[in-house]
Amino acid sequence: MARMIAAQRRARIVDLVNRRGILSVAELARVAGASLMSIRRDLTLLDAQGLLRRAHGGAVALAAPPDVPLQRRERLELQAKMAIGRAAAALVHPGETILLDAGTTVRAMTHSLRGVQNLTVVTNSVQVLAVLWDRPGLRVVALGGVARSGSGAITGPLAEKTLEELRVDRAFLGATGITPRWEVSNSDLDLAALERRILAAARESHLLADHTKFGRTGLAIVSSLRAFTSVITDAHVPPNILTQLRKHVRKVLVAR
């Protein structure tokens, strides 16, 4: 009987994660009526079976649904995101013009840009605007368009048209996932279209992706990894994935 209950619980976990995209261990324990330890064991097993991807503090779906709430995405892999953000910010020099998209890992960069003077930041993120708009030494340029309530991203034809008139030194982008074919994907069609315009406007483009993003596929393909100058990731990426990654992008930076 206990085995049947465990099997039912794991099936429920897979269903919930697939529908909601990201769930924490605490949320799964509450819904399933199980202990945190049981849920962690379940996630380890389900990850090994290829049914979901275990993350620090929870689980993510292999193919995320669109518009996973921003707060839920920010909660998982926070330490990895902050490390990646610091490594990305170290690439920025005074006097440059950079573009920050609306990804949660990209947003983590904002905390490490304090010492960069005479910097222009272009962004389609409501959250990035809220953090940077009054910082001394920074000029912030907001892309016009429709602000998405779920992600805080600004998208649409107006944002795309604005990007046609802009050129930036470096663009920093996030992604829903990096597919098994080494493509960058996004679960949102409008964001994918905007990100293609960002790539065209940037002299250098850097993809910020923690270890949970590898092997995941969103609805829309943005580009090949080869379109990016570098991929910045965290130290939890398995060595075999890193080896393959280095064959598909010019530079890989591992944040620690």
C-alpha atoms as a PDB file:
ATOM      1  CA  MET A   1       0.000   0.000   0.000  1.00  0.00           C
ATOM      2  CA  ALA A   2       2.829   2.402   0.861  1.00  0.00           C
ATOM      3  CA  ARG A   3       4.401   1.810  -2.567  1.00  0.00           C
ATOM      4  CA  MET A   4       1.118   2.646  -4.297  1.00  0.00           C
ATOM      5  CA  ILE A   5       0.808   5.866  -2.300  1.00  0.00           C
ATOM      6  CA  ALA A   6       4.396   6.832  -3.154  1.00  0.00           C
ATOM      7  CA  ALA A   7       3.773   6.131  -6.851  1.00  0.00           C
ATOM      8  CA  GLN A   8       0.620   8.234  -6.806  1.00  0.00           C
ATOM      9  CA  ARG A   9       2.456  11.052  -5.047  1.00  0.00           C
ATOM     10  CA  ARG A  10       5.236  11.053  -7.641  1.00  0.00           C
ATOM     11  CA  ALA A  11       2.746  11.088 -10.489  1.00  0.00           C
ATOM     12  CA  ARG A  12       1.054  14.048  -8.832  1.00  0.00           C
ATOM     13  CA  ILE A  13       4.407  15.836  -8.487  1.00  0.00           C
ATOM     14  CA  VAL A  14       5.188  15.384 -12.191  1.00  0.00           C
ATOM     15  CA  ASP A  15       1.731  16.645 -13.147  1.00  0.00           C
ATOM     16  CA  LEU A  16       1.999  19.720 -10.916  1.00  0.00           C
ATOM     17  CA  VAL A  17       5.491  20.642 -12.085  1.00  0.00           C
ATOM     18  CA  ASN A  18       4.534  20.231 -15.744  1.00  0.00           C
ATOM     19  CA  ARG A  19       1.484  22.473 -15.302  1.00  0.00           C
ATOM     20  CA  ARG A  20       3.101  25.174 -13.176  1.00  0.00           C
ATOM     21  CA  GLY A  21       6.657  25.098 -14.514  1.00  0.00           C
ATOM     22  CA  ILE A  22       8.468  25.577 -11.208  1.00  0.00           C
ATOM     23  CA  LEU A  23       7.614  24.433  -7.674  1.00  0.00           C
ATOM     24  CA  SER A  24       9.558  24.514  -4.435  1.00  0.00           C
ATOM     25  CA  VAL A  25      10.042  21.525  -2.140  1.00  0.00           C
ATOM     26  CA  ALA A  26       7.886  23.216   0.507  1.00  0.00           C
ATOM     27  CA  GLU A  27       5.036  23.784  -1.964  1.00  0.00           C
ATOM     28  CA  LEU A  28       5.148  20.173  -3.139  1.00  0.00           C
ATOM     29  CA  ALA A  29       5.229  18.873   0.441  1.00  0.00           C
ATOM     30  CA  ARG A  30       2.180  20.958   1.305  1.00  0.00           C
ATOM     31  CA  VAL A  31       0.169  19.813  -1.716  1.00  0.00           C
ATOM     32  CA  ALA A  32       1.188  16.151  -1.420  1.00  0.00           C
ATOM     33  CA  GLY A  33       0.878  15.976   2.371  1.00  0.00           C
ATOM     34  CA  ALA A  34       4.377  14.499   2.631  1.00  0.00           C
ATOM     35  CA  SER A  35       7.548  15.375   4.506  1.00  0.00           C
ATOM     36  CA  LEU A  36      10.261  17.539   2.971  1.00  0.00           C
ATOM     37  CA  MET A  37      12.613  14.552   3.064  1.00  0.00           C
ATOM     38  CA  SER A  38      10.137  12.380   1.131  1.00  0.00           C
ATOM     39  CA  ILE A  39       9.673  15.070  -1.503  1.00  0.00           C
ATOM     40  CA  ARG A  40      13.446  15.466  -1.933  1.00  0.00           C
ATOM     41  CA  ARG A  41      13.785  11.700  -2.436  1.00  0.00           C
ATOM     42  CA  ASP A  42      10.934  11.796  -4.946  1.00  0.00           C
ATOM     43  CA  LEU A  43      12.562  14.628  -6.898  1.00  0.00           C
ATOM     44  CA  THR A  44      15.898  12.798  -7.026  1.00  0.00           C
ATOM     45  CA  LEU A  45      14.161   9.709  -8.426  1.00  0.00           C
ATOM     46  CA  LEU A  46      12.023  11.639 -10.910  1.00  0.00           C
ATOM     47  CA  ASP A  47      15.075  13.571 -12.120  1.00  0.00           C
ATOM     48  CA  ALA A  48      16.939  10.293 -12.686  1.00  0.00           C
ATOM     49  CA  GLN A  49      13.945   8.997 -14.661  1.00  0.00           C
ATOM     50  CA  GLY A  50      14.010  12.077 -16.875  1.00  0.00           C
ATOM     51  CA  LEU A  51      10.529  13.241 -15.840  1.00  0.00           C
ATOM     52  CA  LEU A  52      11.571  16.639 -14.437  1.00  0.00           C
ATOM     53  CA  ARG A  53      14.702  18.574 -13.545  1.00  0.00           C
ATOM     54  CA  ARG A  54      15.618  18.821  -9.874  1.00  0.00           C
ATOM     55  CA  ALA A  55      16.834  22.262  -8.805  1.00  0.00           C
ATOM     56  CA  HIS A  56      18.208  23.576  -5.536  1.00  0.00           C
ATOM     57  CA  GLY A  57      15.072  24.116  -3.452  1.00  0.00           C
ATOM     58  CA  GLY A  58      12.566  22.547  -5.821  1.00  0.00           C
ATOM     59  CA  ALA A  59      11.926  21.257  -9.326  1.00  0.00           C
ATOM     60  CA  VAL A  60      11.436  22.642 -12.819  1.00  0.00           C
ATOM     61  CA  ALA A  61       9.597  21.166 -15.782  1.00  0.00           C
ATOM     62  CA  LEU A  62      11.618  19.930 -18.734  1.00  0.00           C
ATOM     63  CA  ALA A  63       9.445  22.103 -20.978  1.00  0.00           C
ATOM     64  CA  ALA A  64       8.190  25.129 -19.058  1.00  0.00           C
ATOM     65  CA  PRO A  65       4.710  26.571 -19.660  1.00  0.00           C
ATOM     66  CA  PRO A  66       4.500  30.242 -20.663  1.00  0.00           C
ATOM     67  CA  ASP A  67       4.355  33.044 -18.092  1.00  0.00           C
ATOM     68  CA  VAL A  68       5.630  31.238 -15.020  1.00  0.00           C
ATOM     69  CA  PRO A  69       5.233  33.924 -12.324  1.00  0.00           C
ATOM     70  CA  LEU A  70       8.342  36.016 -11.758  1.00  0.00           C
ATOM     71  CA  GLN A  71       8.417  35.480  -7.988  1.00  0.00           C
ATOM     72  CA  ARG A  72       8.314  31.699  -8.434  1.00  0.00           C
ATOM     73  CA  ARG A  73      11.190  31.741 -10.942  1.00  0.00           C
ATOM     74  CA  GLU A  74      13.320  34.011  -8.757  1.00  0.00           C
ATOM     75  CA  ARG A  75      12.975  31.747  -5.730  1.00  0.00           C
ATOM     76  CA  LEU A  76      14.848  28.774  -7.173  1.00  0.00           C
ATOM     77  CA  GLU A  77      18.608  28.699  -7.733  1.00  0.00           C
ATOM     78  CA  LEU A  78      18.997  32.133  -6.139  1.00  0.00           C
ATOM     79  CA  GLN A  79      22.667  31.616  -5.213  1.00  0.00           C
ATOM     80  CA  ALA A  80      23.492  30.407  -8.728  1.00  0.00           C
ATOM     81  CA  LYS A  81      21.693  33.372 -10.282  1.00  0.00           C
ATOM     82  CA  MET A  82      23.576  35.835  -8.082  1.00  0.00           C
ATOM     83  CA  ALA A  83      26.938  34.234  -8.940  1.00  0.00           C
ATOM     84  CA  ILE A  84      26.119  34.365 -12.651  1.00  0.00           C
ATOM     85  CA  GLY A  85      24.997  37.973 -12.277  1.00  0.00           C
ATOM     86  CA  ARG A  86      28.313  38.947 -10.674  1.00  0.00           C
ATOM     87  CA  ALA A  87      30.295  37.237 -13.439  1.00  0.00           C
ATOM     88  CA  ALA A  88      28.227  38.963 -16.116  1.00  0.00           C
ATOM     89  CA  ALA A  89      28.569  42.387 -14.493  1.00  0.00           C
ATOM     90  CA  ALA A  90      32.358  41.964 -14.477  1.00  0.00           C
ATOM     91  CA  LEU A  91      32.262  42.134 -18.299  1.00  0.00           C
ATOM     92  CA  VAL A  92      30.783  45.647 -18.241  1.00  0.00           C
ATOM     93  CA  HIS A  93      33.076  48.683 -18.543  1.00  0.00           C
ATOM     94  CA  PRO A  94      32.494  52.379 -17.758  1.00  0.00           C
ATOM     95  CA  GLY A  95      31.066  54.372 -20.648  1.00  0.00           C
ATOM     96  CA  GLU A  96      29.406  51.402 -22.340  1.00  0.00           C
ATOM     97  CA  THR A  97      25.822  50.940 -23.442  1.00  0.00           C
ATOM     98  CA  ILE A  98      24.376  47.591 -22.387  1.00  0.00           C
ATOM     99  CA  LEU A  99      21.006  45.901 -22.709  1.00  0.00           C
ATOM    100  CA  LEU A 100      19.440  43.826 -19.935  1.00  0.00           C
ATOM    101  CA  ASP A 101      16.442  41.671 -20.789  1.00  0.00           C
ATOM    102  CA  ALA A 102      13.676  40.601 -18.413  1.00  0.00           C
ATOM    103  CA  GLY A 103      15.122  37.264 -17.280  1.00  0.00           C
ATOM    104  CA  THR A 104      15.467  36.671 -13.543  1.00  0.00           C
ATOM    105  CA  THR A 105      19.149  35.735 -13.876  1.00  0.00           C
ATOM    106  CA  VAL A 106      19.820  38.913 -15.848  1.00  0.00           C
ATOM    107  CA  ARG A 107      18.028  40.912 -13.175  1.00  0.00           C
ATOM    108  CA  ALA A 108      20.536  39.546 -10.647  1.00  0.00           C
ATOM    109  CA  MET A 109      23.206  41.564 -12.495  1.00  0.00           C
ATOM    110  CA  THR A 110      21.721  44.831 -11.284  1.00  0.00           C
ATOM    111  CA  HIS A 111      23.141  44.345  -7.776  1.00  0.00           C
ATOM    112  CA  SER A 112      26.688  44.208  -9.175  1.00  0.00           C
ATOM    113  CA  LEU A 113      26.577  47.298 -11.411  1.00  0.00           C
ATOM    114  CA  ARG A 114      26.923  49.851  -8.615  1.00  0.00           C
ATOM    115  CA  GLY A 115      30.550  50.728  -9.306  1.00  0.00           C
ATOM    116  CA  VAL A 116      30.270  51.133 -13.085  1.00  0.00           C
ATOM    117  CA  GLN A 117      30.205  54.830 -13.995  1.00  0.00           C
ATOM    118  CA  ASN A 118      28.846  56.601 -17.064  1.00  0.00           C
ATOM    119  CA  LEU A 119      26.837  53.530 -18.019  1.00  0.00           C
ATOM    120  CA  THR A 120      23.749  53.482 -20.243  1.00  0.00           C
ATOM    121  CA  VAL A 121      21.351  50.601 -19.591  1.00  0.00           C
ATOM    122  CA  VAL A 122      18.646  49.736 -22.119  1.00  0.00           C
ATOM    123  CA  THR A 123      16.018  47.332 -20.801  1.00  0.00           C
ATOM    124  CA  ASN A 124      12.628  45.777 -21.434  1.00  0.00           C
ATOM    125  CA  SER A 125      12.235  44.825 -17.764  1.00  0.00           C
ATOM    126  CA  VAL A 126       9.941  46.668 -15.372  1.00  0.00           C
ATOM    127  CA  GLN A 127      11.930  45.229 -12.450  1.00  0.00           C
ATOM    128  CA  VAL A 128      15.295  46.389 -13.826  1.00  0.00           C
ATOM    129  CA  LEU A 129      13.827  49.864 -14.290  1.00  0.00           C
ATOM    130  CA  ALA A 130      12.613  49.888 -10.695  1.00  0.00           C
ATOM    131  CA  VAL A 131      16.083  49.001  -9.384  1.00  0.00           C
ATOM    132  CA  LEU A 132      18.267  51.188 -11.607  1.00  0.00           C
ATOM    133  CA  TRP A 133      16.300  54.287 -12.605  1.00  0.00           C
ATOM    134  CA  ASP A 134      17.699  56.578  -9.874  1.00  0.00           C
ATOM    135  CA  ARG A 135      21.218  55.147  -9.485  1.00  0.00           C
ATOM    136  CA  PRO A 136      23.985  57.791  -9.752  1.00  0.00           C
ATOM    137  CA  GLY A 137      26.189  57.397 -12.815  1.00  0.00           C
ATOM    138  CA  LEU A 138      23.598  55.445 -14.797  1.00  0.00           C
ATOM    139  CA  ARG A 139      21.324  56.455 -17.635  1.00  0.00           C
ATOM    140  CA  VAL A 140      18.395  54.075 -18.100  1.00  0.00           C
ATOM    141  CA  VAL A 141      16.527  53.720 -21.397  1.00  0.00           C
ATOM    142  CA  ALA A 142      13.193  51.878 -21.291  1.00  0.00           C
ATOM    143  CA  LEU A 143      11.862  50.104 -24.350  1.00  0.00           C
ATOM    144  CA  GLY A 144       8.237  51.013 -25.011  1.00  0.00           C
ATOM    145  CA  GLY A 145       5.539  48.407 -25.419  1.00  0.00           C
ATOM    146  CA  VAL A 146       3.185  46.188 -23.454  1.00  0.00           C
ATOM    147  CA  ALA A 147       4.223  45.296 -19.883  1.00  0.00           C
ATOM    148  CA  ARG A 148       3.458  41.653 -19.065  1.00  0.00           C
ATOM    149  CA  SER A 149       1.998  41.157 -15.597  1.00  0.00           C
ATOM    150  CA  GLY A 150       3.425  37.657 -15.137  1.00  0.00           C
ATOM    151  CA  SER A 151       7.038  38.334 -16.052  1.00  0.00           C
ATOM    152  CA  GLY A 152       7.475  42.100 -15.883  1.00  0.00           C
ATOM    153  CA  ALA A 153       8.727  42.007 -19.482  1.00  0.00           C
ATOM    154  CA  ILE A 154       7.931  44.752 -21.984  1.00  0.00           C
ATOM    155  CA  THR A 155       7.221  43.304 -25.440  1.00  0.00           C
ATOM    156  CA  GLY A 156       5.385  44.001 -28.663  1.00  0.00           C
ATOM    157  CA  PRO A 157       5.834  45.856 -31.965  1.00  0.00           C
ATOM    158  CA  LEU A 158       6.783  49.154 -30.302  1.00  0.00           C
ATOM    159  CA  ALA A 159       9.661  47.554 -28.388  1.00  0.00           C
ATOM    160  CA  GLU A 160      10.829  45.758 -31.535  1.00  0.00           C
ATOM    161  CA  LYS A 161      10.652  48.969 -33.584  1.00  0.00           C
ATOM    162  CA  THR A 162      12.662  50.857 -30.962  1.00  0.00           C
ATOM    163  CA  LEU A 163      15.390  48.225 -31.078  1.00  0.00           C
ATOM    164  CA  GLU A 164      15.772  48.736 -34.822  1.00  0.00           C
ATOM    165  CA  GLU A 165      17.085  52.232 -34.050  1.00  0.00           C
ATOM    166  CA  LEU A 166      19.471  51.206 -31.248  1.00  0.00           C
ATOM    167  CA  ARG A 167      22.959  49.712 -31.052  1.00  0.00           C
ATOM    168  CA  VAL A 168      24.486  48.470 -27.806  1.00  0.00           C
ATOM    169  CA  ASP A 169      27.935  47.252 -26.806  1.00  0.00           C
ATOM    170  CA  ARG A 170      26.737  44.200 -24.918  1.00  0.00           C
ATOM    171  CA  ALA A 171      23.388  42.473 -24.464  1.00  0.00           C
ATOM    172  CA  PHE A 172      22.653  40.120 -21.574  1.00  0.00           C
ATOM    173  CA  LEU A 173      19.790  37.686 -22.075  1.00  0.00           C
ATOM    174  CA  GLY A 174      18.130  34.857 -20.196  1.00  0.00           C
ATOM    175  CA  ALA A 175      16.191  31.921 -21.634  1.00  0.00           C
ATOM    176  CA  THR A 176      13.549  29.349 -20.833  1.00  0.00           C
ATOM    177  CA  GLY A 177      16.014  26.675 -21.824  1.00  0.00           C
ATOM    178  CA  ILE A 178      18.849  25.429 -23.981  1.00  0.00           C
ATOM    179  CA  THR A 179      17.485  22.606 -26.097  1.00  0.00           C
ATOM    180  CA  PRO A 180      19.194  19.236 -26.680  1.00  0.00           C
ATOM    181  CA  ARG A 181      20.091  20.627 -30.133  1.00  0.00           C
ATOM    182  CA  TRP A 182      21.912  23.566 -28.482  1.00  0.00           C
ATOM    183  CA  GLU A 183      19.338  26.171 -29.399  1.00  0.00           C
ATOM    184  CA  VAL A 184      18.180  28.982 -27.138  1.00  0.00           C
ATOM    185  CA  SER A 185      14.436  28.793 -26.525  1.00  0.00           C
ATOM    186  CA  ASN A 186      11.738  30.871 -24.860  1.00  0.00           C
ATOM    187  CA  SER A 187       8.251  29.847 -23.765  1.00  0.00           C
ATOM    188  CA  ASP A 188       6.839  33.210 -24.922  1.00  0.00           C
ATOM    189  CA  LEU A 189       6.516  33.973 -28.654  1.00  0.00           C
ATOM    190  CA  ASP A 190       6.641  37.759 -28.208  1.00  0.00           C
ATOM    191  CA  LEU A 191       9.739  37.596 -26.024  1.00  0.00           C
ATOM    192  CA  ALA A 192      11.446  35.288 -28.504  1.00  0.00           C
ATOM    193  CA  ALA A 193      10.778  37.774 -31.316  1.00  0.00           C
ATOM    194  CA  LEU A 194      12.151  40.628 -29.210  1.00  0.00           C
ATOM    195  CA  GLU A 195      15.258  38.661 -28.273  1.00  0.00           C
ATOM    196  CA  ARG A 196      16.057  38.111 -31.959  1.00  0.00           C
ATOM    197  CA  ARG A 197      16.003  41.900 -32.398  1.00  0.00           C
ATOM    198  CA  ILE A 198      18.251  42.278 -29.356  1.00  0.00           C
ATOM    199  CA  LEU A 199      20.825  39.937 -30.883  1.00  0.00           C
ATOM    200  CA  ALA A 200      20.833  42.027 -34.057  1.00  0.00           C
ATOM    201  CA  ALA A 201      21.345  45.267 -32.094  1.00  0.00           C
ATOM    202  CA  ALA A 202      24.279  44.088 -29.962  1.00  0.00           C
ATOM    203  CA  ARG A 203      28.002  43.997 -30.712  1.00  0.00           C
ATOM    204  CA  GLU A 204      28.322  41.210 -28.126  1.00  0.00           C
ATOM    205  CA  SER A 205      25.564  38.979 -26.743  1.00  0.00           C
ATOM    206  CA  HIS A 206      25.886  36.972 -23.536  1.00  0.00           C
ATOM    207  CA  LEU A 207      23.472  34.249 -22.434  1.00  0.00           C
ATOM    208  CA  LEU A 208      22.948  33.859 -18.681  1.00  0.00           C
ATOM    209  CA  ALA A 209      21.711  30.342 -17.892  1.00  0.00           C
ATOM    210  CA  ASP A 210      21.942  28.315 -14.690  1.00  0.00           C
ATOM    211  CA  HIS A 211      22.326  24.534 -14.744  1.00  0.00           C
ATOM    212  CA  THR A 212      18.570  23.868 -14.706  1.00  0.00           C
ATOM    213  CA  LYS A 213      18.192  25.388 -18.187  1.00  0.00           C
ATOM    214  CA  PHE A 214      20.160  22.732 -20.062  1.00  0.00           C
ATOM    215  CA  GLY A 215      18.051  20.168 -21.922  1.00  0.00           C
ATOM    216  CA  ARG A 216      14.870  22.249 -21.607  1.00  0.00           C
ATOM    217  CA  THR A 217      12.796  23.371 -24.578  1.00  0.00           C
ATOM    218  CA  GLY A 218      10.439  26.342 -24.700  1.00  0.00           C
ATOM    219  CA  LEU A 219       7.772  27.018 -27.317  1.00  0.00           C
ATOM    220  CA  ALA A 220       9.864  29.268 -29.584  1.00  0.00           C
ATOM    221  CA  ILE A 221      13.445  28.974 -30.781  1.00  0.00           C
ATOM    222  CA  VAL A 222      15.320  32.264 -30.465  1.00  0.00           C
ATOM    223  CA  SER A 223      18.591  31.302 -32.129  1.00  0.00           C
ATOM    224  CA  SER A 224      21.474  28.881 -32.205  1.00  0.00           C
ATOM    225  CA  LEU A 225      23.930  29.144 -29.321  1.00  0.00           C
ATOM    226  CA  ARG A 226      26.529  30.168 -31.901  1.00  0.00           C
ATOM    227  CA  ALA A 227      24.807  33.559 -32.147  1.00  0.00           C
ATOM    228  CA  PHE A 228      26.097  34.378 -28.645  1.00  0.00           C
ATOM    229  CA  THR A 229      29.529  35.646 -27.663  1.00  0.00           C
ATOM    230  CA  SER A 230      29.438  33.617 -24.459  1.00  0.00           C
ATOM    231  CA  VAL A 231      27.323  31.531 -22.118  1.00  0.00           C
ATOM    232  CA  ILE A 232      27.635  32.352 -18.421  1.00  0.00           C
ATOM    233  CA  THR A 233      26.502  29.515 -16.169  1.00  0.00           C
ATOM    234  CA  ASP A 234      27.079  28.133 -12.659  1.00  0.00           C
ATOM    235  CA  ALA A 235      29.335  25.480 -11.171  1.00  0.00           C
ATOM    236  CA  HIS A 236      26.570  22.843 -10.939  1.00  0.00           C
ATOM    237  CA  VAL A 237      26.539  22.055 -14.668  1.00  0.00           C
ATOM    238  CA  PRO A 238      27.677  18.424 -15.128  1.00  0.00           C
ATOM    239  CA  PRO A 239      31.143  18.080 -16.725  1.00  0.00           C
ATOM    240  CA  ASN A 240      29.793  16.213 -19.763  1.00  0.00           C
ATOM    241  CA  ILE A 241      27.340  19.042 -20.466  1.00  0.00           C
ATOM    242  CA  LEU A 242      30.121  21.630 -20.150  1.00  0.00           C
ATOM    243  CA  THR A 243      32.273  19.671 -22.591  1.00  0.00           C
ATOM    244  CA  GLN A 244      29.491  19.640 -25.178  1.00  0.00           C
ATOM    245  CA  LEU A 245      28.596  23.272 -24.491  1.00  0.00           C
ATOM    246  CA  ARG A 246      32.118  24.424 -25.326  1.00  0.00           C
ATOM    247  CA  LYS A 247      31.714  22.891 -28.789  1.00  0.00           C
ATOM    248  CA  HIS A 248      28.681  25.066 -29.552  1.00  0.00           C
ATOM    249  CA  VAL A 249      29.587  28.536 -28.278  1.00  0.00           C
ATOM    250  CA  ARG A 250      32.693  30.693 -28.537  1.00  0.00           C
ATOM    251  CA  LYS A 251      33.227  31.120 -24.793  1.00  0.00           C
ATOM    252  CA  VAL A 252      31.877  29.556 -21.589  1.00  0.00           C
ATOM    253  CA  LEU A 253      32.205  31.319 -18.232  1.00  0.00           C
ATOM    254  CA  VAL A 254      31.502  29.278 -15.087  1.00  0.00           C
ATOM    255  CA  ALA A 255      30.519  31.483 -12.142  1.00  0.00           C
ATOM    256  CA  ARG A 256      31.528  30.319  -8.667  1.00  0.00           C
END
